[in-house]
PDB file of N, CA and C in Angstrom:
ATOM      1  N   LYS A   1      -5.870  -4.248   8.357  1.00  0.00           N
ATOM      2  CA  LYS A   1      -5.707  -3.081   8.220  1.00  0.00           C
ATOM      3  C   LYS A   1      -4.400  -2.937   7.989  1.00  0.00           C
ATOM      4  N   GLN A   2      -3.689  -2.961   9.018  1.00  0.00           N
ATOM      5  CA  GLN A   2      -2.117  -2.221   9.830  1.00  0.00           C
ATOM      6  C   GLN A   2      -1.328  -2.777   8.199  1.00  0.00           C
ATOM      7  N   ILE A   3      -1.170  -4.183   7.681  1.00  0.00           N
ATOM      8  CA  ILE A   3      -0.615  -4.392   6.755  1.00  0.00           C
ATOM      9  C   ILE A   3      -1.076  -3.564   5.802  1.00  0.00           C
ATOM     10  N   CYS A   4      -2.098  -3.231   5.045  1.00  0.00           N
ATOM     11  CA  CYS A   4      -2.311  -2.950   4.010  1.00  0.00           C
ATOM     12  C   CYS A   4      -2.146  -1.443   4.009  1.00  0.00           C
ATOM     13  N   GLU A   5      -2.163  -0.970   4.928  1.00  0.00           N
ATOM     14  CA  GLU A   5      -2.020   1.052   5.143  1.00  0.00           C
ATOM     15  C   GLU A   5       0.238   0.728   5.441  1.00  0.00           C
ATOM     16  N   GLU A   6       0.532  -0.153   5.770  1.00  0.00           N
ATOM     17  CA  GLU A   6       1.640   0.302   5.582  1.00  0.00           C
ATOM     18  C   GLU A   6       2.857  -0.543   4.731  1.00  0.00           C
ATOM     19  N   ASN A   7       2.243  -1.047   3.630  1.00  0.00           N
ATOM     20  CA  ASN A   7       2.031  -1.038   1.840  1.00  0.00           C
ATOM     21  C   ASN A   7       1.495  -0.808   0.843  1.00  0.00           C
ATOM     22  N   ASN A   8       0.749   0.390   1.466  1.00  0.00           N
ATOM     23  CA  ASN A   8      -0.056   1.295   0.376  1.00  0.00           C
ATOM     24  C   ASN A   8      -0.775   0.037  -0.154  1.00  0.00           C
ATOM     25  N   ALA A   9      -1.819  -0.777   0.434  1.00  0.00           N
ATOM     26  CA  ALA A   9      -2.388  -1.509  -0.491  1.00  0.00           C
ATOM     27  C   ALA A   9      -4.261  -1.791   0.031  1.00  0.00           C
ATOM     28  N   LYS A  10      -4.487  -2.167  -0.596  1.00  0.00           N
ATOM     29  CA  LYS A  10      -6.596  -2.778  -0.326  1.00  0.00           C
ATOM     30  C   LYS A  10      -6.571  -4.256   0.158  1.00  0.00           C
ATOM     31  N   LEU A  11      -7.412  -4.200   1.005  1.00  0.00           N
ATOM     32  CA  LEU A  11      -7.700  -5.423   0.889  1.00  0.00           C
ATOM     33  C   LEU A  11      -8.536  -5.668   0.648  1.00  0.00           C
ATOM     34  N   ILE A  12      -8.741  -7.301  -0.283  1.00  0.00           N
ATOM     35  CA  ILE A  12      -9.899  -7.600  -1.106  1.00  0.00           C
ATOM     36  C   ILE A  12     -10.720  -8.572  -0.253  1.00  0.00           C
ATOM     37  N   GLN A  13      -9.926  -9.475   0.251  1.00  0.00           N
ATOM     38  CA  GLN A  13     -10.533 -10.513   1.103  1.00  0.00           C
ATOM     39  C   GLN A  13     -10.262 -10.912   2.236  1.00  0.00           C
ATOM     40  N   GLU A  14     -10.736 -11.202   3.353  1.00  0.00           N
ATOM     41  CA  GLU A  14     -10.014 -12.244   4.666  1.00  0.00           C
ATOM     42  C   GLU A  14     -11.077 -13.185   4.569  1.00  0.00           C
ATOM     43  N   ILE A  15     -10.446 -14.274   5.106  1.00  0.00           N
ATOM     44  CA  ILE A  15     -11.133 -15.636   5.297  1.00  0.00           C
ATOM     45  C   ILE A  15     -10.156 -16.240   6.371  1.00  0.00           C
ATOM     46  N   GLY A  16     -10.592 -15.882   7.800  1.00  0.00           N
ATOM     47  CA  GLY A  16      -9.819 -16.444   8.337  1.00  0.00           C
ATOM     48  C   GLY A  16      -8.900 -15.425   9.182  1.00  0.00           C
ATOM     49  N   ASN A  17      -7.628 -16.275   9.363  1.00  0.00           N
ATOM     50  CA  ASN A  17      -6.597 -15.719   9.135  1.00  0.00           C
ATOM     51  C   ASN A  17      -5.508 -15.577   7.745  1.00  0.00           C
ATOM     52  N   ILE A  18      -6.468 -15.951   6.194  1.00  0.00           N
ATOM     53  CA  ILE A  18      -5.850 -15.600   5.370  1.00  0.00           C
ATOM     54  C   ILE A  18      -6.469 -14.398   5.162  1.00  0.00           C
ATOM     55  N   ILE A  19      -5.593 -13.081   4.142  1.00  0.00           N
ATOM     56  CA  ILE A  19      -6.244 -12.019   3.340  1.00  0.00           C
ATOM     57  C   ILE A  19      -5.441 -12.144   1.940  1.00  0.00           C
ATOM     58  N   LEU A  20      -6.448 -11.498   1.068  1.00  0.00           N
ATOM     59  CA  LEU A  20      -5.756 -11.240   0.098  1.00  0.00           C
ATOM     60  C   LEU A  20      -5.625  -9.413  -0.602  1.00  0.00           C
ATOM     61  N   ILE A  21      -4.599  -9.097  -0.993  1.00  0.00           N
ATOM     62  CA  ILE A  21      -4.519  -7.994  -0.767  1.00  0.00           C
ATOM     63  C   ILE A  21      -4.050  -7.134  -2.376  1.00  0.00           C
ATOM     64  N   PHE A  22      -4.370  -6.246  -2.737  1.00  0.00           N
ATOM     65  CA  PHE A  22      -4.066  -5.345  -4.066  1.00  0.00           C
ATOM     66  C   PHE A  22      -3.404  -4.389  -3.967  1.00  0.00           C
ATOM     67  N   LYS A  23      -1.890  -4.196  -4.540  1.00  0.00           N
ATOM     68  CA  LYS A  23      -1.631  -3.344  -4.711  1.00  0.00           C
ATOM     69  C   LYS A  23      -0.901  -2.962  -5.988  1.00  0.00           C
ATOM     70  N   SER A  24      -1.280  -1.636  -6.448  1.00  0.00           N
ATOM     71  CA  SER A  24      -0.958  -1.586  -8.005  1.00  0.00           C
ATOM     72  C   SER A  24       0.912  -1.124  -7.718  1.00  0.00           C
ATOM     73  N   SER A  25       1.177  -1.435  -9.492  1.00  0.00           N
ATOM     74  CA  SER A  25       2.451  -0.984  -9.626  1.00  0.00           C
ATOM     75  C   SER A  25       2.977   0.523  -9.526  1.00  0.00           C
ATOM     76  N   ASN A  26       4.073   0.774  -9.737  1.00  0.00           N
ATOM     77  CA  ASN A  26       4.114   2.110  -9.845  1.00  0.00           C
ATOM     78  C   ASN A  26       4.201   2.398 -11.709  1.00  0.00           C
ATOM     79  N   ASN A  27       4.477   1.321 -12.226  1.00  0.00           N
ATOM     80  CA  ASN A  27       4.657   1.544 -13.388  1.00  0.00           C
ATOM     81  C   ASN A  27       4.634  -0.020 -14.133  1.00  0.00           C
ATOM     82  N   PRO A  28       3.804  -0.105 -13.991  1.00  0.00           N
ATOM     83  CA  PRO A  28       3.345  -1.981 -14.702  1.00  0.00           C
ATOM     84  C   PRO A  28       3.319  -2.013 -16.155  1.00  0.00           C
ATOM     85  N   ASN A  29       3.443  -2.866 -16.713  1.00  0.00           N
ATOM     86  CA  ASN A  29       4.121  -3.979 -17.898  1.00  0.00           C
ATOM     87  C   ASN A  29       2.966  -4.197 -18.232  1.00  0.00           C
ATOM     88  N   PRO A  30       2.670  -3.606 -19.275  1.00  0.00           N
ATOM     89  CA  PRO A  30       1.493  -4.057 -20.244  1.00  0.00           C
ATOM     90  C   PRO A  30       0.883  -5.018 -20.555  1.00  0.00           C
ATOM     91  N   LYS A  31       2.456  -5.647 -21.176  1.00  0.00           N
ATOM     92  CA  LYS A  31       2.018  -7.373 -21.688  1.00  0.00           C
ATOM     93  C   LYS A  31       1.768  -7.896 -20.365  1.00  0.00           C
ATOM     94  N   LEU A  32       2.171  -7.535 -18.911  1.00  0.00           N
ATOM     95  CA  LEU A  32       1.724  -8.488 -17.675  1.00  0.00           C
ATOM     96  C   LEU A  32       0.509  -8.010 -17.440  1.00  0.00           C
ATOM     97  N   SER A  33      -0.178  -6.925 -17.455  1.00  0.00           N
ATOM     98  CA  SER A  33      -1.014  -6.479 -16.682  1.00  0.00           C
ATOM     99  C   SER A  33      -2.302  -6.367 -17.730  1.00  0.00           C
ATOM    100  N   ASN A  34      -3.405  -7.687 -16.769  1.00  0.00           N
ATOM    101  CA  ASN A  34      -4.685  -7.458 -16.831  1.00  0.00           C
ATOM    102  C   ASN A  34      -5.699  -6.092 -17.156  1.00  0.00           C
ATOM    103  N   LEU A  35      -5.082  -5.260 -15.923  1.00  0.00           N
ATOM    104  CA  LEU A  35      -5.516  -4.533 -15.668  1.00  0.00           C
ATOM    105  C   LEU A  35      -5.608  -3.478 -16.807  1.00  0.00           C
ATOM    106  N   LEU A  36      -4.577  -3.011 -17.148  1.00  0.00           N
ATOM    107  CA  LEU A  36      -4.176  -2.272 -18.059  1.00  0.00           C
ATOM    108  C   LEU A  36      -4.248  -2.696 -19.974  1.00  0.00           C
ATOM    109  N   ARG A  37      -4.396  -4.056 -19.908  1.00  0.00           N
ATOM    110  CA  ARG A  37      -5.600  -4.534 -21.359  1.00  0.00           C
ATOM    111  C   ARG A  37      -6.847  -4.531 -21.395  1.00  0.00           C
ATOM    112  N   MET A  38      -7.739  -4.560 -20.210  1.00  0.00           N
ATOM    113  CA  MET A  38      -8.674  -4.119 -20.006  1.00  0.00           C
ATOM    114  C   MET A  38      -9.358  -2.960 -19.607  1.00  0.00           C
ATOM    115  N   ARG A  39      -8.503  -1.696 -19.419  1.00  0.00           N
ATOM    116  CA  ARG A  39      -8.973  -0.796 -19.479  1.00  0.00           C
ATOM    117  C   ARG A  39      -8.908  -0.149 -20.771  1.00  0.00           C
ATOM    118  N   ASP A  40      -7.745  -0.661 -21.845  1.00  0.00           N
ATOM    119  CA  ASP A  40      -7.724  -0.283 -23.187  1.00  0.00           C
ATOM    120  C   ASP A  40      -8.911  -0.712 -24.378  1.00  0.00           C
ATOM    121  N   LYS A  41      -9.691  -1.726 -23.536  1.00  0.00           N
ATOM    122  CA  LYS A  41     -10.662  -2.746 -24.633  1.00  0.00           C
ATOM    123  C   LYS A  41     -11.485  -1.574 -24.110  1.00  0.00           C
ATOM    124  N   THR A  42     -12.170  -1.103 -23.074  1.00  0.00           N
ATOM    125  CA  THR A  42     -12.984   0.089 -23.169  1.00  0.00           C
ATOM    126  C   THR A  42     -13.078   1.650 -23.459  1.00  0.00           C
TER     127      THR A  42
END
């Protein structure tokens, strides 16, 4: 939780001592971002 708060990120999954976090980019590159491509299709 501390790592997420310090980096303004969201915890996605935690297994043992391994965590997966998500942090959105301030200015994402549309060619690299799956989130932007999927948003444009809906």
